[in-house]
Amino acid sequence: MIRLNIHEAKTHLSRYLKELAKDKTIILCKRNIPIVEIRSIRPNREYQRPIGLAKGEFEVTSVFFEPLPKEVLAAFNGDNA
């Protein structure tokens, strides 16, 4: 893991991108306070995940499709119920 302040990251970005390619992680700091983590993106899978891995593991009942209670909807909307 590499810790950098914003100025150093801007100045030497290409150098640190090479490190990210080696699966390193960069913690970007503002005045030595961590604000963001930068990681490399994983390459695409070499194979497709099969569909239906959880088949038979659970059942979705009709209750799942019923409207949510008013208290729950209020919580999602940030209303004080």
PDB file of N, CA and C in Angstrom:
ATOM      1  N   MET A   1       0.844  -1.164   0.000  1.00  0.00           N
ATOM      2  CA  MET A   1       0.000   0.000   0.000  1.00  0.00           C
ATOM      3  C   MET A   1       0.897   1.236   0.000  1.00  0.00           C
ATOM      4  N   ILE A   2       0.525   2.207  -0.825  1.00  0.00           N
ATOM      5  CA  ILE A   2       1.287   3.436  -0.969  1.00  0.00           C
ATOM      6  C   ILE A   2       0.417   4.593  -0.491  1.00  0.00           C
ATOM      7  N   ARG A   3       0.968   5.447   0.354  1.00  0.00           N
ATOM      8  CA  ARG A   3       0.256   6.647   0.823  1.00  0.00           C
ATOM      9  C   ARG A   3       0.849   7.858   0.132  1.00  0.00           C
ATOM     10  N   LEU A   4      -0.018   8.661  -0.486  1.00  0.00           N
ATOM     11  CA  LEU A   4       0.429   9.858  -1.193  1.00  0.00           C
ATOM     12  C   LEU A   4      -0.446  11.047  -0.850  1.00  0.00           C
ATOM     13  N   ASN A   5       0.166  12.207  -0.817  1.00  0.00           N
ATOM     14  CA  ASN A   5      -0.612  13.428  -0.752  1.00  0.00           C
ATOM     15  C   ASN A   5      -0.983  13.823  -2.174  1.00  0.00           C
ATOM     16  N   ILE A   6      -2.019  14.620  -2.321  1.00  0.00           N
ATOM     17  CA  ILE A   6      -2.555  14.960  -3.637  1.00  0.00           C
ATOM     18  C   ILE A   6      -1.488  15.569  -4.532  1.00  0.00           C
ATOM     19  N   HIS A   7      -0.677  16.472  -4.027  1.00  0.00           N
ATOM     20  CA  HIS A   7       0.333  17.134  -4.850  1.00  0.00           C
ATOM     21  C   HIS A   7       1.305  16.116  -5.454  1.00  0.00           C
ATOM     22  N   GLU A   8       1.781  15.198  -4.648  1.00  0.00           N
ATOM     23  CA  GLU A   8       2.724  14.195  -5.152  1.00  0.00           C
ATOM     24  C   GLU A   8       2.063  13.277  -6.182  1.00  0.00           C
ATOM     25  N   ALA A   9       0.809  12.929  -5.958  1.00  0.00           N
ATOM     26  CA  ALA A   9       0.099  12.079  -6.913  1.00  0.00           C
ATOM     27  C   ALA A   9      -0.054  12.787  -8.252  1.00  0.00           C
ATOM     28  N   LYS A  10      -0.379  14.080  -8.225  1.00  0.00           N
ATOM     29  CA  LYS A  10      -0.519  14.830  -9.474  1.00  0.00           C
ATOM     30  C   LYS A  10       0.826  14.964 -10.190  1.00  0.00           C
ATOM     31  N   THR A  11       1.881  15.148  -9.433  1.00  0.00           N
ATOM     32  CA  THR A  11       3.200  15.354 -10.019  1.00  0.00           C
ATOM     33  C   THR A  11       3.758  14.079 -10.642  1.00  0.00           C
ATOM     34  N   HIS A  12       3.528  12.935 -10.018  1.00  0.00           N
ATOM     35  CA  HIS A  12       4.137  11.676 -10.449  1.00  0.00           C
ATOM     36  C   HIS A  12       3.090  10.610 -10.780  1.00  0.00           C
ATOM     37  N   LEU A  13       1.977  11.008 -11.359  1.00  0.00           N
ATOM     38  CA  LEU A  13       0.880  10.077 -11.608  1.00  0.00           C
ATOM     39  C   LEU A  13       1.307   8.876 -12.451  1.00  0.00           C
ATOM     40  N   SER A  14       2.035   9.104 -13.528  1.00  0.00           N
ATOM     41  CA  SER A  14       2.406   7.980 -14.407  1.00  0.00           C
ATOM     42  C   SER A  14       3.268   6.958 -13.670  1.00  0.00           C
ATOM     43  N   ARG A  15       4.138   7.404 -12.786  1.00  0.00           N
ATOM     44  CA  ARG A  15       4.973   6.483 -12.015  1.00  0.00           C
ATOM     45  C   ARG A  15       4.108   5.587 -11.130  1.00  0.00           C
ATOM     46  N   TYR A  16       3.107   6.171 -10.503  1.00  0.00           N
ATOM     47  CA  TYR A  16       2.267   5.398  -9.592  1.00  0.00           C
ATOM     48  C   TYR A  16       1.275   4.508 -10.330  1.00  0.00           C
ATOM     49  N   LEU A  17       0.903   4.870 -11.552  1.00  0.00           N
ATOM     50  CA  LEU A  17       0.036   3.990 -12.337  1.00  0.00           C
ATOM     51  C   LEU A  17       0.729   2.664 -12.616  1.00  0.00           C
ATOM     52  N   LYS A  18       2.032   2.690 -12.785  1.00  0.00           N
ATOM     53  CA  LYS A  18       2.788   1.441 -12.978  1.00  0.00           C
ATOM     54  C   LYS A  18       2.700   0.561 -11.731  1.00  0.00           C
ATOM     55  N   GLU A  19       2.719   1.178 -10.568  1.00  0.00           N
ATOM     56  CA  GLU A  19       2.598   0.423  -9.318  1.00  0.00           C
ATOM     57  C   GLU A  19       1.198  -0.183  -9.192  1.00  0.00           C
ATOM     58  N   LEU A  20       0.183   0.576  -9.612  1.00  0.00           N
ATOM     59  CA  LEU A  20      -1.187   0.053  -9.559  1.00  0.00           C
ATOM     60  C   LEU A  20      -1.342  -1.167 -10.450  1.00  0.00           C
ATOM     61  N   ALA A  21      -0.633  -1.191 -11.564  1.00  0.00           N
ATOM     62  CA  ALA A  21      -0.699  -2.337 -12.472  1.00  0.00           C
ATOM     63  C   ALA A  21      -0.151  -3.597 -11.810  1.00  0.00           C
ATOM     64  N   LYS A  22       0.655  -3.445 -10.773  1.00  0.00           N
ATOM     65  CA  LYS A  22       1.233  -4.589 -10.046  1.00  0.00           C
ATOM     66  C   LYS A  22       0.349  -4.986  -8.856  1.00  0.00           C
ATOM     67  N   ASP A  23      -0.923  -4.603  -8.877  1.00  0.00           N
ATOM     68  CA  ASP A  23      -1.885  -4.893  -7.807  1.00  0.00           C
ATOM     69  C   ASP A  23      -1.555  -4.207  -6.493  1.00  0.00           C
ATOM     70  N   LYS A  24      -0.945  -3.058  -6.555  1.00  0.00           N
ATOM     71  CA  LYS A  24      -0.729  -2.258  -5.352  1.00  0.00           C
ATOM     72  C   LYS A  24      -1.947  -1.377  -5.130  1.00  0.00           C
ATOM     73  N   THR A  25      -2.076  -0.827  -3.948  1.00  0.00           N
ATOM     74  CA  THR A  25      -3.161   0.082  -3.606  1.00  0.00           C
ATOM     75  C   THR A  25      -2.557   1.417  -3.208  1.00  0.00           C
ATOM     76  N   ILE A  26      -3.195   2.503  -3.645  1.00  0.00           N
ATOM     77  CA  ILE A  26      -2.739   3.841  -3.288  1.00  0.00           C
ATOM     78  C   ILE A  26      -3.797   4.471  -2.395  1.00  0.00           C
ATOM     79  N   ILE A  27      -3.364   4.997  -1.258  1.00  0.00           N
ATOM     80  CA  ILE A  27      -4.227   5.769  -0.381  1.00  0.00           C
ATOM     81  C   ILE A  27      -3.889   7.229  -0.646  1.00  0.00           C
ATOM     82  N   LEU A  28      -4.855   7.959  -1.179  1.00  0.00           N
ATOM     83  CA  LEU A  28      -4.645   9.360  -1.502  1.00  0.00           C
ATOM     84  C   LEU A  28      -5.061  10.203  -0.306  1.00  0.00           C
ATOM     85  N   CYS A  29      -4.175  11.093   0.126  1.00  0.00           N
ATOM     86  CA  CYS A  29      -4.401  11.884   1.328  1.00  0.00           C
ATOM     87  C   CYS A  29      -4.454  13.372   1.007  1.00  0.00           C
ATOM     88  N   LYS A  30      -5.187  14.092   1.825  1.00  0.00           N
ATOM     89  CA  LYS A  30      -5.198  15.547   1.770  1.00  0.00           C
ATOM     90  C   LYS A  30      -4.675  16.027   3.106  1.00  0.00           C
ATOM     91  N   ARG A  31      -3.492  16.620   3.072  1.00  0.00           N
ATOM     92  CA  ARG A  31      -2.795  17.044   4.298  1.00  0.00           C
ATOM     93  C   ARG A  31      -2.622  15.875   5.262  1.00  0.00           C
ATOM     94  N   ASN A  32      -2.193  14.735   4.714  1.00  0.00           N
ATOM     95  CA  ASN A  32      -1.906  13.501   5.444  1.00  0.00           C
ATOM     96  C   ASN A  32      -3.134  12.828   6.050  1.00  0.00           C
ATOM     97  N   ILE A  33      -4.334  13.239   5.641  1.00  0.00           N
ATOM     98  CA  ILE A  33      -5.560  12.588   6.094  1.00  0.00           C
ATOM     99  C   ILE A  33      -6.107  11.783   4.921  1.00  0.00           C
ATOM    100  N   PRO A  34      -6.233  10.467   5.064  1.00  0.00           N
ATOM    101  CA  PRO A  34      -6.717   9.633   3.953  1.00  0.00           C
ATOM    102  C   PRO A  34      -8.116  10.051   3.501  1.00  0.00           C
ATOM    103  N   ILE A  35      -8.281  10.176   2.172  1.00  0.00           N
ATOM    104  CA  ILE A  35      -9.596  10.549   1.648  1.00  0.00           C
ATOM    105  C   ILE A  35     -10.106   9.566   0.600  1.00  0.00           C
ATOM    106  N   VAL A  36      -9.222   8.825  -0.051  1.00  0.00           N
ATOM    107  CA  VAL A  36      -9.677   7.907  -1.090  1.00  0.00           C
ATOM    108  C   VAL A  36      -8.664   6.788  -1.288  1.00  0.00           C
ATOM    109  N   GLU A  37      -9.164   5.647  -1.711  1.00  0.00           N
ATOM    110  CA  GLU A  37      -8.306   4.502  -2.013  1.00  0.00           C
ATOM    111  C   GLU A  37      -8.396   4.246  -3.514  1.00  0.00           C
ATOM    112  N   ILE A  38      -7.251   4.084  -4.148  1.00  0.00           N
ATOM    113  CA  ILE A  38      -7.197   3.815  -5.587  1.00  0.00           C
ATOM    114  C   ILE A  38      -6.625   2.421  -5.780  1.00  0.00           C
ATOM    115  N   ARG A  39      -7.390   1.579  -6.507  1.00  0.00           N
ATOM    116  CA  ARG A  39      -6.943   0.208  -6.780  1.00  0.00           C
ATOM    117  C   ARG A  39      -7.050  -0.055  -8.268  1.00  0.00           C
ATOM    118  N   SER A  40      -6.323  -1.038  -8.731  1.00  0.00           N
ATOM    119  CA  SER A  40      -6.440  -1.433 -10.129  1.00  0.00           C
ATOM    120  C   SER A  40      -7.744  -2.198 -10.325  1.00  0.00           C
ATOM    121  N   ILE A  41      -8.248  -2.166 -11.550  1.00  0.00           N
ATOM    122  CA  ILE A  41      -9.470  -2.874 -11.877  1.00  0.00           C
ATOM    123  C   ILE A  41      -9.114  -4.304 -12.226  1.00  0.00           C
ATOM    124  N   ARG A  42      -9.857  -5.228 -11.677  1.00  0.00           N
ATOM    125  CA  ARG A  42      -9.594  -6.642 -11.965  1.00  0.00           C
ATOM    126  C   ARG A  42      -9.909  -6.941 -13.428  1.00  0.00           C
ATOM    127  N   PRO A  43      -9.118  -7.771 -14.032  1.00  0.00           N
ATOM    128  CA  PRO A  43      -9.416  -8.139 -15.429  1.00  0.00           C
ATOM    129  C   PRO A  43     -10.707  -8.950 -15.513  1.00  0.00           C
ATOM    130  N   ASN A  44     -11.290  -8.968 -16.689  1.00  0.00           N
ATOM    131  CA  ASN A  44     -12.517  -9.746 -16.887  1.00  0.00           C
ATOM    132  C   ASN A  44     -12.256 -11.209 -16.622  1.00  0.00           C
ATOM    133  N   ARG A  45     -13.295 -11.896 -16.199  1.00  0.00           N
ATOM    134  CA  ARG A  45     -13.172 -13.334 -15.957  1.00  0.00           C
ATOM    135  C   ARG A  45     -12.888 -14.050 -17.270  1.00  0.00           C
ATOM    136  N   GLU A  46     -12.177 -15.128 -17.178  1.00  0.00           N
ATOM    137  CA  GLU A  46     -11.878 -15.925 -18.366  1.00  0.00           C
ATOM    138  C   GLU A  46     -13.055 -16.812 -18.748  1.00  0.00           C
ATOM    139  N   TYR A  47     -14.031 -16.942 -17.846  1.00  0.00           N
ATOM    140  CA  TYR A  47     -15.173 -17.802 -18.114  1.00  0.00           C
ATOM    141  C   TYR A  47     -16.438 -17.099 -17.629  1.00  0.00           C
ATOM    142  N   GLN A  48     -17.561 -17.479 -18.167  1.00  0.00           N
ATOM    143  CA  GLN A  48     -18.840 -16.935 -17.744  1.00  0.00           C
ATOM    144  C   GLN A  48     -19.323 -17.684 -16.499  1.00  0.00           C
ATOM    145  N   ARG A  49     -19.889 -16.956 -15.551  1.00  0.00           N
ATOM    146  CA  ARG A  49     -20.463 -17.612 -14.383  1.00  0.00           C
ATOM    147  C   ARG A  49     -21.734 -18.324 -14.813  1.00  0.00           C
ATOM    148  N   PRO A  50     -21.931 -19.552 -14.370  1.00  0.00           N
ATOM    149  CA  PRO A  50     -23.145 -20.274 -14.748  1.00  0.00           C
ATOM    150  C   PRO A  50     -24.389 -19.664 -14.107  1.00  0.00           C
ATOM    151  N   ILE A  51     -25.489 -19.691 -14.844  1.00  0.00           N
ATOM    152  CA  ILE A  51     -26.760 -19.178 -14.343  1.00  0.00           C
ATOM    153  C   ILE A  51     -27.416 -20.255 -13.485  1.00  0.00           C
ATOM    154  N   GLY A  52     -28.046 -19.830 -12.398  1.00  0.00           N
ATOM    155  CA  GLY A  52     -28.803 -20.763 -11.567  1.00  0.00           C
ATOM    156  C   GLY A  52     -27.994 -21.422 -10.466  1.00  0.00           C
ATOM    157  N   LEU A  53     -26.924 -20.794 -10.006  1.00  0.00           N
ATOM    158  CA  LEU A  53     -26.102 -21.391  -8.943  1.00  0.00           C
ATOM    159  C   LEU A  53     -26.883 -21.605  -7.645  1.00  0.00           C
ATOM    160  N   ALA A  54     -27.870 -20.760  -7.364  1.00  0.00           N
ATOM    161  CA  ALA A  54     -28.614 -20.862  -6.105  1.00  0.00           C
ATOM    162  C   ALA A  54     -29.980 -21.512  -6.304  1.00  0.00           C
ATOM    163  N   LYS A  55     -30.189 -22.154  -7.433  1.00  0.00           N
ATOM    164  CA  LYS A  55     -31.482 -22.762  -7.710  1.00  0.00           C
ATOM    165  C   LYS A  55     -31.842 -23.768  -6.604  1.00  0.00           C
ATOM    166  N   GLY A  56     -33.043 -23.607  -6.055  1.00  0.00           N
ATOM    167  CA  GLY A  56     -33.500 -24.500  -5.002  1.00  0.00           C
ATOM    168  C   GLY A  56     -33.023 -24.126  -3.612  1.00  0.00           C
ATOM    169  N   GLU A  57     -32.201 -23.092  -3.484  1.00  0.00           N
ATOM    170  CA  GLU A  57     -31.667 -22.684  -2.181  1.00  0.00           C
ATOM    171  C   GLU A  57     -32.671 -21.866  -1.376  1.00  0.00           C
ATOM    172  N   PHE A  58     -33.569 -21.129  -2.067  1.00  0.00           N
ATOM    173  CA  PHE A  58     -34.547 -20.310  -1.371  1.00  0.00           C
ATOM    174  C   PHE A  58     -35.784 -20.163  -2.249  1.00  0.00           C
ATOM    175  N   GLU A  59     -36.860 -19.661  -1.635  1.00  0.00           N
ATOM    176  CA  GLU A  59     -38.116 -19.488  -2.354  1.00  0.00           C
ATOM    177  C   GLU A  59     -38.595 -18.055  -2.163  1.00  0.00           C
ATOM    178  N   VAL A  60     -38.994 -17.407  -3.246  1.00  0.00           N
ATOM    179  CA  VAL A  60     -39.548 -16.060  -3.176  1.00  0.00           C
ATOM    180  C   VAL A  60     -41.060 -16.209  -3.074  1.00  0.00           C
ATOM    181  N   THR A  61     -41.609 -15.827  -1.927  1.00  0.00           N
ATOM    182  CA  THR A  61     -43.046 -15.968  -1.716  1.00  0.00           C
ATOM    183  C   THR A  61     -43.780 -14.717  -2.215  1.00  0.00           C
ATOM    184  N   SER A  62     -45.081 -14.764  -2.249  1.00  0.00           N
ATOM    185  CA  SER A  62     -45.883 -13.642  -2.740  1.00  0.00           C
ATOM    186  C   SER A  62     -45.772 -12.425  -1.823  1.00  0.00           C
ATOM    187  N   VAL A  63     -45.400 -12.615  -0.561  1.00  0.00           N
ATOM    188  CA  VAL A  63     -45.230 -11.503   0.379  1.00  0.00           C
ATOM    189  C   VAL A  63     -44.144 -10.551  -0.118  1.00  0.00           C
ATOM    190  N   PHE A  64     -43.170 -11.072  -0.830  1.00  0.00           N
ATOM    191  CA  PHE A  64     -42.071 -10.264  -1.351  1.00  0.00           C
ATOM    192  C   PHE A  64     -42.587  -9.150  -2.266  1.00  0.00           C
ATOM    193  N   PHE A  65     -43.655  -9.407  -2.991  1.00  0.00           N
ATOM    194  CA  PHE A  65     -44.167  -8.474  -3.982  1.00  0.00           C
ATOM    195  C   PHE A  65     -45.211  -7.503  -3.420  1.00  0.00           C
ATOM    196  N   GLU A  66     -45.568  -7.645  -2.160  1.00  0.00           N
ATOM    197  CA  GLU A  66     -46.534  -6.737  -1.534  1.00  0.00           C
ATOM    198  C   GLU A  66     -45.860  -5.398  -1.227  1.00  0.00           C
ATOM    199  N   PRO A  67     -46.648  -4.305  -1.195  1.00  0.00           N
ATOM    200  CA  PRO A  67     -46.069  -2.983  -0.882  1.00  0.00           C
ATOM    201  C   PRO A  67     -45.419  -2.979   0.506  1.00  0.00           C
ATOM    202  N   LEU A  68     -44.382  -2.177   0.648  1.00  0.00           N
ATOM    203  CA  LEU A  68     -43.702  -2.048   1.940  1.00  0.00           C
ATOM    204  C   LEU A  68     -44.576  -1.277   2.915  1.00  0.00           C
ATOM    205  N   PRO A  69     -44.412  -1.528   4.215  1.00  0.00           N
ATOM    206  CA  PRO A  69     -45.151  -0.761   5.217  1.00  0.00           C
ATOM    207  C   PRO A  69     -44.791   0.723   5.144  1.00  0.00           C
ATOM    208  N   LYS A  70     -45.720   1.581   5.553  1.00  0.00           N
ATOM    209  CA  LYS A  70     -45.509   3.039   5.483  1.00  0.00           C
ATOM    210  C   LYS A  70     -44.272   3.478   6.257  1.00  0.00           C
ATOM    211  N   GLU A  71     -43.989   2.832   7.395  1.00  0.00           N
ATOM    212  CA  GLU A  71     -42.814   3.217   8.200  1.00  0.00           C
ATOM    213  C   GLU A  71     -41.517   2.961   7.429  1.00  0.00           C
ATOM    214  N   VAL A  72     -41.473   1.851   6.713  1.00  0.00           N
ATOM    215  CA  VAL A  72     -40.269   1.505   5.953  1.00  0.00           C
ATOM    216  C   VAL A  72     -40.093   2.475   4.787  1.00  0.00           C
ATOM    217  N   LEU A  73     -41.183   2.768   4.074  1.00  0.00           N
ATOM    218  CA  LEU A  73     -41.112   3.731   2.975  1.00  0.00           C
ATOM    219  C   LEU A  73     -40.663   5.098   3.467  1.00  0.00           C
ATOM    220  N   ALA A  74     -41.174   5.508   4.620  1.00  0.00           N
ATOM    221  CA  ALA A  74     -40.784   6.793   5.202  1.00  0.00           C
ATOM    222  C   ALA A  74     -39.294   6.810   5.518  1.00  0.00           C
ATOM    223  N   ALA A  75     -38.765   5.707   6.027  1.00  0.00           N
ATOM    224  CA  ALA A  75     -37.335   5.636   6.346  1.00  0.00           C
ATOM    225  C   ALA A  75     -36.481   5.749   5.087  1.00  0.00           C
ATOM    226  N   PHE A  76     -36.924   5.133   3.993  1.00  0.00           N
ATOM    227  CA  PHE A  76     -36.181   5.222   2.733  1.00  0.00           C
ATOM    228  C   PHE A  76     -36.194   6.654   2.191  1.00  0.00           C
ATOM    229  N   ASN A  77     -37.306   7.361   2.396  1.00  0.00           N
ATOM    230  CA  ASN A  77     -37.446   8.722   1.889  1.00  0.00           C
ATOM    231  C   ASN A  77     -36.868   9.768   2.828  1.00  0.00           C
ATOM    232  N   GLY A  78     -36.381   9.332   3.987  1.00  0.00           N
ATOM    233  CA  GLY A  78     -35.802  10.269   4.954  1.00  0.00           C
ATOM    234  C   GLY A  78     -36.847  11.008   5.766  1.00  0.00           C
ATOM    235  N   ASP A  79     -38.087  10.544   5.709  1.00  0.00           N
ATOM    236  CA  ASP A  79     -39.158  11.177   6.503  1.00  0.00           C
ATOM    237  C   ASP A  79     -39.135  10.635   7.915  1.00  0.00           C
ATOM    238  N   ASN A  80     -39.454  11.483   8.846  1.00  0.00           N
ATOM    239  CA  ASN A  80     -39.568  11.034  10.246  1.00  0.00           C
ATOM    240  C   ASN A  80     -40.973  10.524  10.462  1.00  0.00           C
ATOM    241  N   ALA A  81     -41.085   9.221  10.639  1.00  0.00           N
ATOM    242  CA  ALA A  81     -42.421   8.625  10.798  1.00  0.00           C
ATOM    243  C   ALA A  81     -42.894   8.700  12.214  1.00  0.00           C
TER     244      ALA A  81
END
